[in-house]
Amino acid sequence: MRLLSSLIRVLIIAAGAVVGLGLFLLAVLAFVGFLLASLLTGRKPNLQFRVNKNPWAQHRPPAAEDVVDIEAREIKDAPPLPLQPPPQR
């Protein structure tokens, strides 16, 4: 009975190791796939993960009073800097 218990324990550990190694290899292959796809297309991969700080909070759209309307102005270019060095004192 003790031998059977040890054998089952070893088999469960081996099965867990195989599943864990399989998931690790799947993650590595997915990473390599994303990397190759980004290299072939010339784009950066969009792998941003957004974490909600309070997942239980109600999602509310922004209120209309938060919007600020401003008047647009055109800013002229600054005059070019002189090519001469400043005078020495």
PDB file of N, CA and C in Angstrom:
ATOM      1  N   MET A   1       0.817  -1.187   0.000  1.00  0.00           N
ATOM      2  CA  MET A   1       0.000   0.000   0.000  1.00  0.00           C
ATOM      3  C   MET A   1       0.867   1.260   0.000  1.00  0.00           C
ATOM      4  N   ARG A   2       1.945   1.216   0.763  1.00  0.00           N
ATOM      5  CA  ARG A   2       2.846   2.354   0.839  1.00  0.00           C
ATOM      6  C   ARG A   2       3.517   2.589  -0.517  1.00  0.00           C
ATOM      7  N   LEU A   3       3.850   1.511  -1.209  1.00  0.00           N
ATOM      8  CA  LEU A   3       4.457   1.610  -2.541  1.00  0.00           C
ATOM      9  C   LEU A   3       3.479   2.232  -3.535  1.00  0.00           C
ATOM     10  N   LEU A   4       2.218   1.832  -3.474  1.00  0.00           N
ATOM     11  CA  LEU A   4       1.199   2.371  -4.367  1.00  0.00           C
ATOM     12  C   LEU A   4       0.987   3.867  -4.106  1.00  0.00           C
ATOM     13  N   SER A   5       0.965   4.260  -2.851  1.00  0.00           N
ATOM     14  CA  SER A   5       0.802   5.664  -2.497  1.00  0.00           C
ATOM     15  C   SER A   5       1.979   6.499  -3.010  1.00  0.00           C
ATOM     16  N   SER A   6       3.183   6.013  -2.863  1.00  0.00           N
ATOM     17  CA  SER A   6       4.366   6.729  -3.350  1.00  0.00           C
ATOM     18  C   SER A   6       4.357   6.815  -4.865  1.00  0.00           C
ATOM     19  N   LEU A   7       3.941   5.745  -5.537  1.00  0.00           N
ATOM     20  CA  LEU A   7       3.886   5.729  -7.004  1.00  0.00           C
ATOM     21  C   LEU A   7       2.863   6.743  -7.519  1.00  0.00           C
ATOM     22  N   ILE A   8       1.701   6.826  -6.861  1.00  0.00           N
ATOM     23  CA  ILE A   8       0.673   7.788  -7.270  1.00  0.00           C
ATOM     24  C   ILE A   8       1.176   9.214  -7.042  1.00  0.00           C
ATOM     25  N   ARG A   9       1.856   9.429  -5.932  1.00  0.00           N
ATOM     26  CA  ARG A   9       2.395  10.757  -5.638  1.00  0.00           C
ATOM     27  C   ARG A   9       3.415  11.176  -6.694  1.00  0.00           C
ATOM     28  N   VAL A  10       4.298  10.265  -7.091  1.00  0.00           N
ATOM     29  CA  VAL A  10       5.309  10.560  -8.116  1.00  0.00           C
ATOM     30  C   VAL A  10       4.635  10.831  -9.453  1.00  0.00           C
ATOM     31  N   LEU A  11       3.586  10.068  -9.798  1.00  0.00           N
ATOM     32  CA  LEU A  11       2.881  10.287 -11.060  1.00  0.00           C
ATOM     33  C   LEU A  11       2.174  11.641 -11.081  1.00  0.00           C
ATOM     34  N   ILE A  12       1.572  12.033  -9.964  1.00  0.00           N
ATOM     35  CA  ILE A  12       0.904  13.338  -9.909  1.00  0.00           C
ATOM     36  C   ILE A  12       1.923  14.470 -10.027  1.00  0.00           C
ATOM     37  N   ILE A  13       3.051  14.338  -9.377  1.00  0.00           N
ATOM     38  CA  ILE A  13       4.099  15.360  -9.487  1.00  0.00           C
ATOM     39  C   ILE A  13       4.636  15.430 -10.911  1.00  0.00           C
ATOM     40  N   ALA A  14       4.830  14.277 -11.538  1.00  0.00           N
ATOM     41  CA  ALA A  14       5.323  14.256 -12.918  1.00  0.00           C
ATOM     42  C   ALA A  14       4.294  14.871 -13.866  1.00  0.00           C
ATOM     43  N   ALA A  15       3.021  14.562 -13.662  1.00  0.00           N
ATOM     44  CA  ALA A  15       1.979  15.140 -14.521  1.00  0.00           C
ATOM     45  C   ALA A  15       1.922  16.653 -14.338  1.00  0.00           C
ATOM     46  N   GLY A  16       2.036  17.134 -13.112  1.00  0.00           N
ATOM     47  CA  GLY A  16       2.051  18.577 -12.860  1.00  0.00           C
ATOM     48  C   GLY A  16       3.241  19.255 -13.509  1.00  0.00           C
ATOM     49  N   ALA A  17       4.391  18.580 -13.454  1.00  0.00           N
ATOM     50  CA  ALA A  17       5.583  19.149 -14.089  1.00  0.00           C
ATOM     51  C   ALA A  17       5.411  19.220 -15.600  1.00  0.00           C
ATOM     52  N   VAL A  18       4.802  18.194 -16.186  1.00  0.00           N
ATOM     53  CA  VAL A  18       4.583  18.191 -17.638  1.00  0.00           C
ATOM     54  C   VAL A  18       3.606  19.293 -18.035  1.00  0.00           C
ATOM     55  N   VAL A  19       2.527  19.460 -17.266  1.00  0.00           N
ATOM     56  CA  VAL A  19       1.554  20.519 -17.571  1.00  0.00           C
ATOM     57  C   VAL A  19       2.203  21.895 -17.400  1.00  0.00           C
ATOM     58  N   GLY A  20       2.967  22.081 -16.334  1.00  0.00           N
ATOM     59  CA  GLY A  20       3.635  23.365 -16.114  1.00  0.00           C
ATOM     60  C   GLY A  20       4.637  23.684 -17.207  1.00  0.00           C
ATOM     61  N   LEU A  21       5.414  22.681 -17.605  1.00  0.00           N
ATOM     62  CA  LEU A  21       6.382  22.888 -18.678  1.00  0.00           C
ATOM     63  C   LEU A  21       5.676  23.185 -20.005  1.00  0.00           C
ATOM     64  N   GLY A  22       4.549  22.524 -20.238  1.00  0.00           N
ATOM     65  CA  GLY A  22       3.782  22.783 -21.458  1.00  0.00           C
ATOM     66  C   GLY A  22       3.254  24.200 -21.499  1.00  0.00           C
ATOM     67  N   LEU A  23       2.734  24.689 -20.371  1.00  0.00           N
ATOM     68  CA  LEU A  23       2.247  26.070 -20.330  1.00  0.00           C
ATOM     69  C   LEU A  23       3.382  27.074 -20.504  1.00  0.00           C
ATOM     70  N   PHE A  24       4.535  26.770 -19.922  1.00  0.00           N
ATOM     71  CA  PHE A  24       5.699  27.636 -20.085  1.00  0.00           C
ATOM     72  C   PHE A  24       6.125  27.695 -21.553  1.00  0.00           C
ATOM     73  N   LEU A  25       6.177  26.547 -22.199  1.00  0.00           N
ATOM     74  CA  LEU A  25       6.558  26.525 -23.617  1.00  0.00           C
ATOM     75  C   LEU A  25       5.528  27.237 -24.484  1.00  0.00           C
ATOM     76  N   LEU A  26       4.247  27.113 -24.134  1.00  0.00           N
ATOM     77  CA  LEU A  26       3.209  27.827 -24.870  1.00  0.00           C
ATOM     78  C   LEU A  26       3.399  29.341 -24.738  1.00  0.00           C
ATOM     79  N   ALA A  27       3.734  29.802 -23.539  1.00  0.00           N
ATOM     80  CA  ALA A  27       3.971  31.236 -23.341  1.00  0.00           C
ATOM     81  C   ALA A  27       5.195  31.706 -24.126  1.00  0.00           C
ATOM     82  N   VAL A  28       6.247  30.902 -24.150  1.00  0.00           N
ATOM     83  CA  VAL A  28       7.457  31.275 -24.905  1.00  0.00           C
ATOM     84  C   VAL A  28       7.148  31.323 -26.396  1.00  0.00           C
ATOM     85  N   LEU A  29       6.394  30.358 -26.896  1.00  0.00           N
ATOM     86  CA  LEU A  29       6.036  30.355 -28.322  1.00  0.00           C
ATOM     87  C   LEU A  29       5.145  31.547 -28.667  1.00  0.00           C
ATOM     88  N   ALA A  30       4.225  31.912 -27.779  1.00  0.00           N
ATOM     89  CA  ALA A  30       3.382  33.079 -28.032  1.00  0.00           C
ATOM     90  C   ALA A  30       4.238  34.345 -28.066  1.00  0.00           C
ATOM     91  N   PHE A  31       5.201  34.454 -27.164  1.00  0.00           N
ATOM     92  CA  PHE A  31       6.086  35.619 -27.154  1.00  0.00           C
ATOM     93  C   PHE A  31       6.894  35.697 -28.443  1.00  0.00           C
ATOM     94  N   VAL A  32       7.437  34.574 -28.875  1.00  0.00           N
ATOM     95  CA  VAL A  32       8.217  34.553 -30.118  1.00  0.00           C
ATOM     96  C   VAL A  32       7.314  34.890 -31.305  1.00  0.00           C
ATOM     97  N   GLY A  33       6.079  34.408 -31.281  1.00  0.00           N
ATOM     98  CA  GLY A  33       5.135  34.740 -32.356  1.00  0.00           C
ATOM     99  C   GLY A  33       4.845  36.224 -32.414  1.00  0.00           C
ATOM    100  N   PHE A  34       4.586  36.846 -31.252  1.00  0.00           N
ATOM    101  CA  PHE A  34       4.365  38.293 -31.224  1.00  0.00           C
ATOM    102  C   PHE A  34       5.601  39.037 -31.705  1.00  0.00           C
ATOM    103  N   LEU A  35       6.764  38.562 -31.313  1.00  0.00           N
ATOM    104  CA  LEU A  35       8.001  39.222 -31.706  1.00  0.00           C
ATOM    105  C   LEU A  35       8.213  39.122 -33.220  1.00  0.00           C
ATOM    106  N   LEU A  36       8.008  37.960 -33.785  1.00  0.00           N
ATOM    107  CA  LEU A  36       8.169  37.798 -35.237  1.00  0.00           C
ATOM    108  C   LEU A  36       7.128  38.610 -36.005  1.00  0.00           C
ATOM    109  N   ALA A  37       5.898  38.620 -35.521  1.00  0.00           N
ATOM    110  CA  ALA A  37       4.857  39.395 -36.196  1.00  0.00           C
ATOM    111  C   ALA A  37       5.201  40.886 -36.177  1.00  0.00           C
ATOM    112  N   SER A  38       5.717  41.374 -35.052  1.00  0.00           N
ATOM    113  CA  SER A  38       6.065  42.789 -34.987  1.00  0.00           C
ATOM    114  C   SER A  38       7.274  43.103 -35.856  1.00  0.00           C
ATOM    115  N   LEU A  39       8.211  42.164 -35.965  1.00  0.00           N
ATOM    116  CA  LEU A  39       9.367  42.400 -36.835  1.00  0.00           C
ATOM    117  C   LEU A  39       8.965  42.389 -38.308  1.00  0.00           C
ATOM    118  N   LEU A  40       8.048  41.502 -38.684  1.00  0.00           N
ATOM    119  CA  LEU A  40       7.638  41.416 -40.084  1.00  0.00           C
ATOM    120  C   LEU A  40       6.766  42.596 -40.504  1.00  0.00           C
ATOM    121  N   THR A  41       5.920  43.078 -39.606  1.00  0.00           N
ATOM    122  CA  THR A  41       5.041  44.186 -39.960  1.00  0.00           C
ATOM    123  C   THR A  41       5.676  45.542 -39.701  1.00  0.00           C
ATOM    124  N   GLY A  42       6.729  45.602 -38.897  1.00  0.00           N
ATOM    125  CA  GLY A  42       7.392  46.861 -38.600  1.00  0.00           C
ATOM    126  C   GLY A  42       6.665  47.691 -37.561  1.00  0.00           C
ATOM    127  N   ARG A  43       5.720  47.094 -36.860  1.00  0.00           N
ATOM    128  CA  ARG A  43       4.972  47.812 -35.834  1.00  0.00           C
ATOM    129  C   ARG A  43       5.356  47.313 -34.456  1.00  0.00           C
ATOM    130  N   LYS A  44       5.227  48.209 -33.494  1.00  0.00           N
ATOM    131  CA  LYS A  44       5.437  47.785 -32.114  1.00  0.00           C
ATOM    132  C   LYS A  44       4.206  46.996 -31.672  1.00  0.00           C
ATOM    133  N   PRO A  45       4.406  45.926 -30.936  1.00  0.00           N
ATOM    134  CA  PRO A  45       3.229  45.200 -30.443  1.00  0.00           C
ATOM    135  C   PRO A  45       2.525  45.996 -29.350  1.00  0.00           C
ATOM    136  N   ASN A  46       1.205  45.969 -29.368  1.00  0.00           N
ATOM    137  CA  ASN A  46       0.422  46.688 -28.370  1.00  0.00           C
ATOM    138  C   ASN A  46       0.128  45.731 -27.228  1.00  0.00           C
ATOM    139  N   LEU A  47       1.011  45.678 -26.255  1.00  0.00           N
ATOM    140  CA  LEU A  47       0.870  44.765 -25.128  1.00  0.00           C
ATOM    141  C   LEU A  47       0.695  45.537 -23.834  1.00  0.00           C
ATOM    142  N   GLN A  48      -0.165  46.535 -23.854  1.00  0.00           N
ATOM    143  CA  GLN A  48      -0.399  47.316 -22.643  1.00  0.00           C
ATOM    144  C   GLN A  48      -1.479  46.628 -21.829  1.00  0.00           C
ATOM    145  N   PHE A  49      -1.213  46.472 -20.559  1.00  0.00           N
ATOM    146  CA  PHE A  49      -2.174  45.868 -19.664  1.00  0.00           C
ATOM    147  C   PHE A  49      -2.677  46.951 -18.725  1.00  0.00           C
ATOM    148  N   ARG A  50      -3.968  47.159 -18.732  1.00  0.00           N
ATOM    149  CA  ARG A  50      -4.556  48.166 -17.862  1.00  0.00           C
ATOM    150  C   ARG A  50      -5.117  47.465 -16.634  1.00  0.00           C
ATOM    151  N   VAL A  51      -4.763  47.975 -15.509  1.00  0.00           N
ATOM    152  CA  VAL A  51      -5.226  47.403 -14.256  1.00  0.00           C
ATOM    153  C   VAL A  51      -6.188  48.382 -13.607  1.00  0.00           C
ATOM    154  N   ASN A  52      -7.374  47.902 -13.322  1.00  0.00           N
ATOM    155  CA  ASN A  52      -8.347  48.735 -12.635  1.00  0.00           C
ATOM    156  C   ASN A  52      -8.001  48.758 -11.160  1.00  0.00           C
ATOM    157  N   LYS A  53      -7.763  49.946 -10.619  1.00  0.00           N
ATOM    158  CA  LYS A  53      -7.342  50.038  -9.226  1.00  0.00           C
ATOM    159  C   LYS A  53      -8.438  49.580  -8.274  1.00  0.00           C
ATOM    160  N   ASN A  54      -9.671  49.818  -8.631  1.00  0.00           N
ATOM    161  CA  ASN A  54     -10.783  49.374  -7.804  1.00  0.00           C
ATOM    162  C   ASN A  54     -11.789  48.666  -8.708  1.00  0.00           C
ATOM    163  N   PRO A  55     -11.669  47.357  -8.891  1.00  0.00           N
ATOM    164  CA  PRO A  55     -12.547  46.660  -9.835  1.00  0.00           C
ATOM    165  C   PRO A  55     -14.004  46.635  -9.398  1.00  0.00           C
ATOM    166  N   TRP A  56     -14.298  46.921  -8.124  1.00  0.00           N
ATOM    167  CA  TRP A  56     -15.676  46.881  -7.655  1.00  0.00           C
ATOM    168  C   TRP A  56     -16.364  48.228  -7.793  1.00  0.00           C
ATOM    169  N   ALA A  57     -15.615  49.253  -8.179  1.00  0.00           N
ATOM    170  CA  ALA A  57     -16.208  50.580  -8.322  1.00  0.00           C
ATOM    171  C   ALA A  57     -17.085  50.613  -9.571  1.00  0.00           C
ATOM    172  N   GLN A  58     -18.113  51.417  -9.505  1.00  0.00           N
ATOM    173  CA  GLN A  58     -19.004  51.582 -10.654  1.00  0.00           C
ATOM    174  C   GLN A  58     -18.286  52.372 -11.738  1.00  0.00           C
ATOM    175  N   HIS A  59     -18.424  51.930 -12.981  1.00  0.00           N
ATOM    176  CA  HIS A  59     -17.822  52.670 -14.096  1.00  0.00           C
ATOM    177  C   HIS A  59     -18.800  53.756 -14.516  1.00  0.00           C
ATOM    178  N   ARG A  60     -18.383  55.003 -14.359  1.00  0.00           N
ATOM    179  CA  ARG A  60     -19.235  56.119 -14.712  1.00  0.00           C
ATOM    180  C   ARG A  60     -18.575  56.931 -15.821  1.00  0.00           C
ATOM    181  N   PRO A  61     -19.333  57.337 -16.820  1.00  0.00           N
ATOM    182  CA  PRO A  61     -18.744  58.209 -17.846  1.00  0.00           C
ATOM    183  C   PRO A  61     -18.421  59.566 -17.244  1.00  0.00           C
ATOM    184  N   PRO A  62     -17.450  60.273 -17.814  1.00  0.00           N
ATOM    185  CA  PRO A  62     -17.089  61.580 -17.254  1.00  0.00           C
ATOM    186  C   PRO A  62     -18.259  62.554 -17.346  1.00  0.00           C
ATOM    187  N   ALA A  63     -18.387  63.375 -16.343  1.00  0.00           N
ATOM    188  CA  ALA A  63     -19.469  64.353 -16.305  1.00  0.00           C
ATOM    189  C   ALA A  63     -19.190  65.468 -17.306  1.00  0.00           C
ATOM    190  N   ALA A  64     -20.257  66.106 -17.762  1.00  0.00           N
ATOM    191  CA  ALA A  64     -20.114  67.173 -18.759  1.00  0.00           C
ATOM    192  C   ALA A  64     -19.410  68.386 -18.173  1.00  0.00           C
ATOM    193  N   GLU A  65     -19.480  68.563 -16.863  1.00  0.00           N
ATOM    194  CA  GLU A  65     -18.844  69.723 -16.264  1.00  0.00           C
ATOM    195  C   GLU A  65     -17.320  69.603 -16.218  1.00  0.00           C
ATOM    196  N   ASP A  66     -16.798  68.410 -16.488  1.00  0.00           N
ATOM    197  CA  ASP A  66     -15.356  68.231 -16.486  1.00  0.00           C
ATOM    198  C   ASP A  66     -14.705  68.745 -17.777  1.00  0.00           C
ATOM    199  N   VAL A  67     -15.511  69.002 -18.793  1.00  0.00           N
ATOM    200  CA  VAL A  67     -14.983  69.434 -20.083  1.00  0.00           C
ATOM    201  C   VAL A  67     -14.728  70.933 -20.037  1.00  0.00           C
ATOM    202  N   VAL A  68     -13.536  71.332 -20.440  1.00  0.00           N
ATOM    203  CA  VAL A  68     -13.163  72.750 -20.446  1.00  0.00           C
ATOM    204  C   VAL A  68     -12.972  73.172 -21.893  1.00  0.00           C
ATOM    205  N   ASP A  69     -13.692  74.205 -22.293  1.00  0.00           N
ATOM    206  CA  ASP A  69     -13.574  74.716 -23.652  1.00  0.00           C
ATOM    207  C   ASP A  69     -12.592  75.875 -23.633  1.00  0.00           C
ATOM    208  N   ILE A  70     -11.623  75.837 -24.517  1.00  0.00           N
ATOM    209  CA  ILE A  70     -10.622  76.897 -24.559  1.00  0.00           C
ATOM    210  C   ILE A  70     -10.640  77.560 -25.924  1.00  0.00           C
ATOM    211  N   GLU A  71     -10.108  78.750 -25.971  1.00  0.00           N
ATOM    212  CA  GLU A  71     -10.005  79.466 -27.232  1.00  0.00           C
ATOM    213  C   GLU A  71      -8.634  79.180 -27.835  1.00  0.00           C
ATOM    214  N   ALA A  72      -8.611  78.749 -29.079  1.00  0.00           N
ATOM    215  CA  ALA A  72      -7.360  78.411 -29.741  1.00  0.00           C
ATOM    216  C   ALA A  72      -6.673  79.682 -30.229  1.00  0.00           C
ATOM    217  N   ARG A  73      -5.356  79.737 -30.043  1.00  0.00           N
ATOM    218  CA  ARG A  73      -4.557  80.852 -30.534  1.00  0.00           C
ATOM    219  C   ARG A  73      -3.400  80.291 -31.339  1.00  0.00           C
ATOM    220  N   GLU A  74      -2.993  81.025 -32.336  1.00  0.00           N
ATOM    221  CA  GLU A  74      -1.842  80.603 -33.123  1.00  0.00           C
ATOM    222  C   GLU A  74      -0.605  81.282 -32.549  1.00  0.00           C
ATOM    223  N   ILE A  75       0.421  80.493 -32.295  1.00  0.00           N
ATOM    224  CA  ILE A  75       1.661  81.023 -31.742  1.00  0.00           C
ATOM    225  C   ILE A  75       2.657  81.150 -32.875  1.00  0.00           C
ATOM    226  N   LYS A  76       3.220  82.358 -33.014  1.00  0.00           N
ATOM    227  CA  LYS A  76       4.173  82.599 -34.095  1.00  0.00           C
ATOM    228  C   LYS A  76       5.512  81.960 -33.734  1.00  0.00           C
ATOM    229  N   ASP A  77       6.262  81.629 -34.776  1.00  0.00           N
ATOM    230  CA  ASP A  77       7.590  81.064 -34.561  1.00  0.00           C
ATOM    231  C   ASP A  77       8.507  82.095 -33.919  1.00  0.00           C
ATOM    232  N   ALA A  78       9.394  81.616 -33.084  1.00  0.00           N
ATOM    233  CA  ALA A  78      10.363  82.498 -32.447  1.00  0.00           C
ATOM    234  C   ALA A  78      11.369  82.971 -33.494  1.00  0.00           C
ATOM    235  N   PRO A  79      11.899  84.179 -33.327  1.00  0.00           N
ATOM    236  CA  PRO A  79      12.896  84.648 -34.300  1.00  0.00           C
ATOM    237  C   PRO A  79      14.147  83.768 -34.218  1.00  0.00           C
ATOM    238  N   PRO A  80      14.839  83.594 -35.329  1.00  0.00           N
ATOM    239  CA  PRO A  80      16.028  82.748 -35.316  1.00  0.00           C
ATOM    240  C   PRO A  80      17.119  83.346 -34.432  1.00  0.00           C
ATOM    241  N   LEU A  81      17.888  82.492 -33.832  1.00  0.00           N
ATOM    242  CA  LEU A  81      18.969  82.935 -32.968  1.00  0.00           C
ATOM    243  C   LEU A  81      20.139  83.427 -33.826  1.00  0.00           C
ATOM    244  N   PRO A  82      20.894  84.435 -33.335  1.00  0.00           N
ATOM    245  CA  PRO A  82      22.037  84.922 -34.113  1.00  0.00           C
ATOM    246  C   PRO A  82      23.127  83.851 -34.163  1.00  0.00           C
ATOM    247  N   LEU A  83      23.871  83.869 -35.258  1.00  0.00           N
ATOM    248  CA  LEU A  83      24.925  82.881 -35.437  1.00  0.00           C
ATOM    249  C   LEU A  83      26.211  83.315 -34.758  1.00  0.00           C
ATOM    250  N   GLN A  84      26.297  84.573 -34.355  1.00  0.00           N
ATOM    251  CA  GLN A  84      27.504  85.074 -33.701  1.00  0.00           C
ATOM    252  C   GLN A  84      27.488  84.710 -32.226  1.00  0.00           C
ATOM    253  N   PRO A  85      28.651  84.374 -31.652  1.00  0.00           N
ATOM    254  CA  PRO A  85      28.683  84.091 -30.215  1.00  0.00           C
ATOM    255  C   PRO A  85      28.481  85.383 -29.429  1.00  0.00           C
ATOM    256  N   PRO A  86      28.002  85.273 -28.205  1.00  0.00           N
ATOM    257  CA  PRO A  86      27.804  86.507 -27.410  1.00  0.00           C
ATOM    258  C   PRO A  86      29.161  87.184 -27.164  1.00  0.00           C
ATOM    259  N   PRO A  87      29.146  88.521 -26.998  1.00  0.00           N
ATOM    260  CA  PRO A  87      30.419  89.248 -26.770  1.00  0.00           C
ATOM    261  C   PRO A  87      31.038  88.847 -25.439  1.00  0.00           C
ATOM    262  N   GLN A  88      32.370  88.780 -25.450  1.00  0.00           N
ATOM    263  CA  GLN A  88      33.109  88.416 -24.233  1.00  0.00           C
ATOM    264  C   GLN A  88      33.313  89.662 -23.381  1.00  0.00           C
ATOM    265  N   ARG A  89      33.273  89.532 -22.075  1.00  0.00           N
ATOM    266  CA  ARG A  89      33.489  90.678 -21.186  1.00  0.00           C
ATOM    267  C   ARG A  89      34.871  90.677 -20.673  1.00  0.00           C
TER     268      ARG A  89
END
